[in-house]
Amino acid sequence: RAGAHTATIALVLLSCALSFYVLGQF
């Protein structure tokens, strides 16, 4: 359970952070 939520949250967090970065570039 801990591994499942840690992996998915970490990867969605990465996607979210990079999305903010892309918006910031615009």
PDB file of all heavy atoms in Angstrom:
ATOM      1  N   ARG A   1       0.827  -1.212   0.000  1.00  0.00           N
ATOM      2  CA  ARG A   1       0.000   0.000   0.000  1.00  0.00           C
ATOM      3  C   ARG A   1       0.858   1.257   0.000  1.00  0.00           C
ATOM      4  O   ARG A   1       0.640   2.184  -0.788  1.00  0.00           O
ATOM      5  CB  ARG A   1      -0.927   0.001   1.216  1.00  0.00           C
ATOM      6  CG  ARG A   1      -2.036  -1.033   1.145  1.00  0.00           C
ATOM      7  CD  ARG A   1      -2.789  -1.163   2.457  1.00  0.00           C
ATOM      8  NE  ARG A   1      -3.966  -2.005   2.291  1.00  0.00           N
ATOM      9  CZ  ARG A   1      -5.207  -1.545   2.174  1.00  0.00           C
ATOM     10  NH1 ARG A   1      -5.423  -0.241   2.221  1.00  0.00           N
ATOM     11  NH2 ARG A   1      -6.216  -2.374   2.026  1.00  0.00           N
ATOM     12  N   ALA A   2       1.823   1.316   0.896  1.00  0.00           N
ATOM     13  CA  ALA A   2       2.678   2.506   0.983  1.00  0.00           C
ATOM     14  C   ALA A   2       3.455   2.710  -0.306  1.00  0.00           C
ATOM     15  O   ALA A   2       3.607   3.837  -0.791  1.00  0.00           O
ATOM     16  CB  ALA A   2       3.632   2.380   2.173  1.00  0.00           C
ATOM     17  N   GLY A   3       3.933   1.629  -0.878  1.00  0.00           N
ATOM     18  CA  GLY A   3       4.668   1.744  -2.133  1.00  0.00           C
ATOM     19  C   GLY A   3       3.791   2.237  -3.264  1.00  0.00           C
ATOM     20  O   GLY A   3       4.226   3.034  -4.106  1.00  0.00           O
ATOM     21  N   ALA A   4       2.530   1.773  -3.290  1.00  0.00           N
ATOM     22  CA  ALA A   4       1.614   2.184  -4.356  1.00  0.00           C
ATOM     23  C   ALA A   4       1.326   3.674  -4.286  1.00  0.00           C
ATOM     24  O   ALA A   4       1.424   4.388  -5.293  1.00  0.00           O
ATOM     25  CB  ALA A   4       0.319   1.380  -4.273  1.00  0.00           C
ATOM     26  N   HIS A   5       0.965   4.169  -3.088  1.00  0.00           N
ATOM     27  CA  HIS A   5       0.636   5.596  -3.036  1.00  0.00           C
ATOM     28  C   HIS A   5       1.885   6.469  -3.136  1.00  0.00           C
ATOM     29  O   HIS A   5       1.828   7.576  -3.671  1.00  0.00           O
ATOM     30  CB  HIS A   5      -0.216   5.933  -1.804  1.00  0.00           C
ATOM     31  CG  HIS A   5       0.475   5.896  -0.487  1.00  0.00           C
ATOM     32  ND1 HIS A   5       0.046   5.114   0.564  1.00  0.00           N
ATOM     33  CD2 HIS A   5       1.568   6.564  -0.008  1.00  0.00           C
ATOM     34  CE1 HIS A   5       0.819   5.303   1.614  1.00  0.00           C
ATOM     35  NE2 HIS A   5       1.755   6.165   1.286  1.00  0.00           N
ATOM     36  N   THR A   6       3.031   5.978  -2.657  1.00  0.00           N
ATOM     37  CA  THR A   6       4.265   6.764  -2.773  1.00  0.00           C
ATOM     38  C   THR A   6       4.676   6.910  -4.228  1.00  0.00           C
ATOM     39  O   THR A   6       5.017   8.014  -4.691  1.00  0.00           O
ATOM     40  CB  THR A   6       5.398   6.103  -1.968  1.00  0.00           C
ATOM     41  OG1 THR A   6       5.017   6.027  -0.599  1.00  0.00           O
ATOM     42  CG2 THR A   6       6.689   6.909  -2.098  1.00  0.00           C
ATOM     43  N   ALA A   7       4.650   5.810  -4.971  1.00  0.00           N
ATOM     44  CA  ALA A   7       5.060   5.846  -6.377  1.00  0.00           C
ATOM     45  C   ALA A   7       4.136   6.731  -7.209  1.00  0.00           C
ATOM     46  O   ALA A   7       4.594   7.589  -7.981  1.00  0.00           O
ATOM     47  CB  ALA A   7       5.094   4.428  -6.938  1.00  0.00           C
ATOM     48  N   THR A   8       2.828   6.542  -7.059  1.00  0.00           N
ATOM     49  CA  THR A   8       1.899   7.313  -7.886  1.00  0.00           C
ATOM     50  C   THR A   8       1.923   8.794  -7.525  1.00  0.00           C
ATOM     51  O   THR A   8       1.917   9.655  -8.410  1.00  0.00           O
ATOM     52  CB  THR A   8       0.477   6.756  -7.738  1.00  0.00           C
ATOM     53  OG1 THR A   8       0.128   6.688  -6.345  1.00  0.00           O
ATOM     54  CG2 THR A   8       0.362   5.375  -8.353  1.00  0.00           C
ATOM     55  N   ILE A   9       1.971   9.111  -6.233  1.00  0.00           N
ATOM     56  CA  ILE A   9       1.991  10.525  -5.829  1.00  0.00           C
ATOM     57  C   ILE A   9       3.282  11.191  -6.284  1.00  0.00           C
ATOM     58  O   ILE A   9       3.273  12.332  -6.781  1.00  0.00           O
ATOM     59  CB  ILE A   9       1.814  10.644  -4.300  1.00  0.00           C
ATOM     60  CG1 ILE A   9       0.384  10.266  -3.910  1.00  0.00           C
ATOM     61  CG2 ILE A   9       2.132  12.064  -3.824  1.00  0.00           C
ATOM     62  CD1 ILE A   9       0.143  10.218  -2.421  1.00  0.00           C
ATOM     63  N   ALA A  10       4.424  10.491  -6.142  1.00  0.00           N
ATOM     64  CA  ALA A  10       5.701  11.079  -6.556  1.00  0.00           C
ATOM     65  C   ALA A  10       5.713  11.365  -8.054  1.00  0.00           C
ATOM     66  O   ALA A  10       6.186  12.430  -8.491  1.00  0.00           O
ATOM     67  CB  ALA A  10       6.847  10.145  -6.179  1.00  0.00           C
ATOM     68  N   LEU A  11       5.184  10.460  -8.848  1.00  0.00           N
ATOM     69  CA  LEU A  11       5.216  10.646 -10.298  1.00  0.00           C
ATOM     70  C   LEU A  11       4.201  11.697 -10.760  1.00  0.00           C
ATOM     71  O   LEU A  11       4.478  12.463 -11.683  1.00  0.00           O
ATOM     72  CB  LEU A  11       4.971   9.306 -10.988  1.00  0.00           C
ATOM     73  CG  LEU A  11       6.155   8.330 -10.845  1.00  0.00           C
ATOM     74  CD1 LEU A  11       5.747   6.917 -11.211  1.00  0.00           C
ATOM     75  CD2 LEU A  11       7.324   8.801 -11.712  1.00  0.00           C
ATOM     76  N   VAL A  12       3.037  11.754 -10.123  1.00  0.00           N
ATOM     77  CA  VAL A  12       2.088  12.823 -10.454  1.00  0.00           C
ATOM     78  C   VAL A  12       2.626  14.177  -9.987  1.00  0.00           C
ATOM     79  O   VAL A  12       2.446  15.197 -10.660  1.00  0.00           O
ATOM     80  CB  VAL A  12       0.701  12.534  -9.835  1.00  0.00           C
ATOM     81  CG1 VAL A  12      -0.228  13.732  -9.997  1.00  0.00           C
ATOM     82  CG2 VAL A  12       0.082  11.305 -10.485  1.00  0.00           C
ATOM     83  N   LEU A  13       3.317  14.191  -8.847  1.00  0.00           N
ATOM     84  CA  LEU A  13       3.974  15.418  -8.379  1.00  0.00           C
ATOM     85  C   LEU A  13       5.013  15.890  -9.392  1.00  0.00           C
ATOM     86  O   LEU A  13       5.113  17.086  -9.682  1.00  0.00           O
ATOM     87  CB  LEU A  13       4.625  15.179  -7.027  1.00  0.00           C
ATOM     88  CG  LEU A  13       5.466  16.338  -6.455  1.00  0.00           C
ATOM     89  CD1 LEU A  13       4.598  17.577  -6.241  1.00  0.00           C
ATOM     90  CD2 LEU A  13       6.128  15.918  -5.148  1.00  0.00           C
ATOM     91  N   LEU A  14       5.793  14.954  -9.941  1.00  0.00           N
ATOM     92  CA  LEU A  14       6.769  15.309 -10.976  1.00  0.00           C
ATOM     93  C   LEU A  14       6.077  15.909 -12.189  1.00  0.00           C
ATOM     94  O   LEU A  14       6.499  16.946 -12.720  1.00  0.00           O
ATOM     95  CB  LEU A  14       7.561  14.061 -11.369  1.00  0.00           C
ATOM     96  CG  LEU A  14       8.537  14.210 -12.545  1.00  0.00           C
ATOM     97  CD1 LEU A  14       9.625  15.223 -12.217  1.00  0.00           C
ATOM     98  CD2 LEU A  14       9.134  12.859 -12.910  1.00  0.00           C
ATOM     99  N   SER A  15       4.999  15.277 -12.627  1.00  0.00           N
ATOM    100  CA  SER A  15       4.239  15.780 -13.767  1.00  0.00           C
ATOM    101  C   SER A  15       3.664  17.161 -13.479  1.00  0.00           C
ATOM    102  O   SER A  15       3.690  18.054 -14.335  1.00  0.00           O
ATOM    103  CB  SER A  15       3.124  14.799 -14.114  1.00  0.00           C
ATOM    104  OG  SER A  15       2.401  15.212 -15.232  1.00  0.00           O
ATOM    105  N   CYS A  16       3.160  17.356 -12.260  1.00  0.00           N
ATOM    106  CA  CYS A  16       2.582  18.646 -11.867  1.00  0.00           C
ATOM    107  C   CYS A  16       3.651  19.741 -11.846  1.00  0.00           C
ATOM    108  O   CYS A  16       3.448  20.839 -12.363  1.00  0.00           O
ATOM    109  CB  CYS A  16       1.911  18.514 -10.508  1.00  0.00           C
ATOM    110  SG  CYS A  16       1.130  20.029  -9.912  1.00  0.00           S
ATOM    111  N   ALA A  17       4.806  19.440 -11.246  1.00  0.00           N
ATOM    112  CA  ALA A  17       5.875  20.434 -11.161  1.00  0.00           C
ATOM    113  C   ALA A  17       6.353  20.846 -12.547  1.00  0.00           C
ATOM    114  O   ALA A  17       6.569  22.040 -12.824  1.00  0.00           O
ATOM    115  CB  ALA A  17       7.033  19.873 -10.337  1.00  0.00           C
ATOM    116  N   LEU A  18       6.514  19.881 -13.441  1.00  0.00           N
ATOM    117  CA  LEU A  18       6.959  20.204 -14.799  1.00  0.00           C
ATOM    118  C   LEU A  18       5.869  20.959 -15.566  1.00  0.00           C
ATOM    119  O   LEU A  18       6.178  21.802 -16.420  1.00  0.00           O
ATOM    120  CB  LEU A  18       7.332  18.917 -15.533  1.00  0.00           C
ATOM    121  CG  LEU A  18       8.584  18.200 -15.007  1.00  0.00           C
ATOM    122  CD1 LEU A  18       8.821  16.900 -15.769  1.00  0.00           C
ATOM    123  CD2 LEU A  18       9.811  19.102 -15.104  1.00  0.00           C
ATOM    124  N   SER A  19       4.599  20.676 -15.280  1.00  0.00           N
ATOM    125  CA  SER A  19       3.515  21.433 -15.920  1.00  0.00           C
ATOM    126  C   SER A  19       3.552  22.896 -15.496  1.00  0.00           C
ATOM    127  O   SER A  19       3.369  23.801 -16.322  1.00  0.00           O
ATOM    128  CB  SER A  19       2.163  20.807 -15.559  1.00  0.00           C
ATOM    129  OG  SER A  19       2.051  19.493 -16.054  1.00  0.00           O
ATOM    130  N   PHE A  20       3.789  23.146 -14.200  1.00  0.00           N
ATOM    131  CA  PHE A  20       3.949  24.524 -13.745  1.00  0.00           C
ATOM    132  C   PHE A  20       5.159  25.179 -14.421  1.00  0.00           C
ATOM    133  O   PHE A  20       5.123  26.366 -14.770  1.00  0.00           O
ATOM    134  CB  PHE A  20       4.116  24.558 -12.222  1.00  0.00           C
ATOM    135  CG  PHE A  20       2.825  24.626 -11.466  1.00  0.00           C
ATOM    136  CD1 PHE A  20       2.278  23.495 -10.877  1.00  0.00           C
ATOM    137  CD2 PHE A  20       2.141  25.833 -11.349  1.00  0.00           C
ATOM    138  CE1 PHE A  20       1.084  23.557 -10.184  1.00  0.00           C
ATOM    139  CE2 PHE A  20       0.942  25.911 -10.657  1.00  0.00           C
ATOM    140  CZ  PHE A  20       0.411  24.767 -10.074  1.00  0.00           C
ATOM    141  N   TYR A  21       6.215  24.405 -14.612  1.00  0.00           N
ATOM    142  CA  TYR A  21       7.410  24.937 -15.280  1.00  0.00           C
ATOM    143  C   TYR A  21       7.096  25.340 -16.717  1.00  0.00           C
ATOM    144  O   TYR A  21       7.507  26.410 -17.181  1.00  0.00           O
ATOM    145  CB  TYR A  21       8.522  23.883 -15.253  1.00  0.00           C
ATOM    146  CG  TYR A  21       9.724  24.242 -16.083  1.00  0.00           C
ATOM    147  CD1 TYR A  21      10.631  25.219 -15.655  1.00  0.00           C
ATOM    148  CD2 TYR A  21       9.967  23.601 -17.304  1.00  0.00           C
ATOM    149  CE1 TYR A  21      11.736  25.545 -16.428  1.00  0.00           C
ATOM    150  CE2 TYR A  21      11.062  23.925 -18.079  1.00  0.00           C
ATOM    151  CZ  TYR A  21      11.948  24.895 -17.633  1.00  0.00           C
ATOM    152  OH  TYR A  21      13.035  25.235 -18.399  1.00  0.00           O
ATOM    153  N   VAL A  22       6.353  24.491 -17.430  1.00  0.00           N
ATOM    154  CA  VAL A  22       5.980  24.803 -18.823  1.00  0.00           C
ATOM    155  C   VAL A  22       5.101  26.045 -18.872  1.00  0.00           C
ATOM    156  O   VAL A  22       5.308  26.941 -19.709  1.00  0.00           O
ATOM    157  CB  VAL A  22       5.268  23.591 -19.457  1.00  0.00           C
ATOM    158  CG1 VAL A  22       4.633  23.981 -20.789  1.00  0.00           C
ATOM    159  CG2 VAL A  22       6.243  22.442 -19.652  1.00  0.00           C
ATOM    160  N   LEU A  23       4.106  26.140 -17.979  1.00  0.00           N
ATOM    161  CA  LEU A  23       3.258  27.328 -17.943  1.00  0.00           C
ATOM    162  C   LEU A  23       4.087  28.570 -17.627  1.00  0.00           C
ATOM    163  O   LEU A  23       3.877  29.639 -18.220  1.00  0.00           O
ATOM    164  CB  LEU A  23       2.153  27.152 -16.901  1.00  0.00           C
ATOM    165  CG  LEU A  23       1.146  28.306 -16.775  1.00  0.00           C
ATOM    166  CD1 LEU A  23       0.386  28.509 -18.081  1.00  0.00           C
ATOM    167  CD2 LEU A  23       0.168  28.048 -15.630  1.00  0.00           C
ATOM    168  N   GLY A  24       5.041  28.439 -16.722  1.00  0.00           N
ATOM    169  CA  GLY A  24       5.914  29.556 -16.396  1.00  0.00           C
ATOM    170  C   GLY A  24       6.740  30.003 -17.579  1.00  0.00           C
ATOM    171  O   GLY A  24       7.008  31.205 -17.749  1.00  0.00           O
ATOM    172  N   GLN A  25       7.153  29.068 -18.433  1.00  0.00           N
ATOM    173  CA  GLN A  25       7.903  29.452 -19.623  1.00  0.00           C
ATOM    174  C   GLN A  25       7.060  30.308 -20.564  1.00  0.00           C
ATOM    175  O   GLN A  25       7.565  31.235 -21.185  1.00  0.00           O
ATOM    176  CB  GLN A  25       8.403  28.207 -20.351  1.00  0.00           C
ATOM    177  CG  GLN A  25       9.606  27.544 -19.687  1.00  0.00           C
ATOM    178  CD  GLN A  25      10.239  26.500 -20.581  1.00  0.00           C
ATOM    179  OE1 GLN A  25       9.563  25.591 -21.068  1.00  0.00           O
ATOM    180  NE2 GLN A  25      11.537  26.609 -20.799  1.00  0.00           N
ATOM    181  N   PHE A  26       5.781  29.992 -20.667  1.00  0.00           N
ATOM    182  CA  PHE A  26       4.899  30.812 -21.504  1.00  0.00           C
ATOM    183  C   PHE A  26       4.689  32.192 -20.888  1.00  0.00           C
ATOM    184  O   PHE A  26       4.702  33.207 -21.590  1.00  0.00           O
ATOM    185  CB  PHE A  26       3.550  30.112 -21.700  1.00  0.00           C
ATOM    186  CG  PHE A  26       3.560  29.028 -22.729  1.00  0.00           C
ATOM    187  CD1 PHE A  26       3.423  27.702 -22.356  1.00  0.00           C
ATOM    188  CD2 PHE A  26       3.702  29.327 -24.068  1.00  0.00           C
ATOM    189  CE1 PHE A  26       3.421  26.689 -23.297  1.00  0.00           C
ATOM    190  CE2 PHE A  26       3.706  28.328 -25.027  1.00  0.00           C
ATOM    191  CZ  PHE A  26       3.575  26.995 -24.640  1.00  0.00           C
TER     192      PHE A  26
END
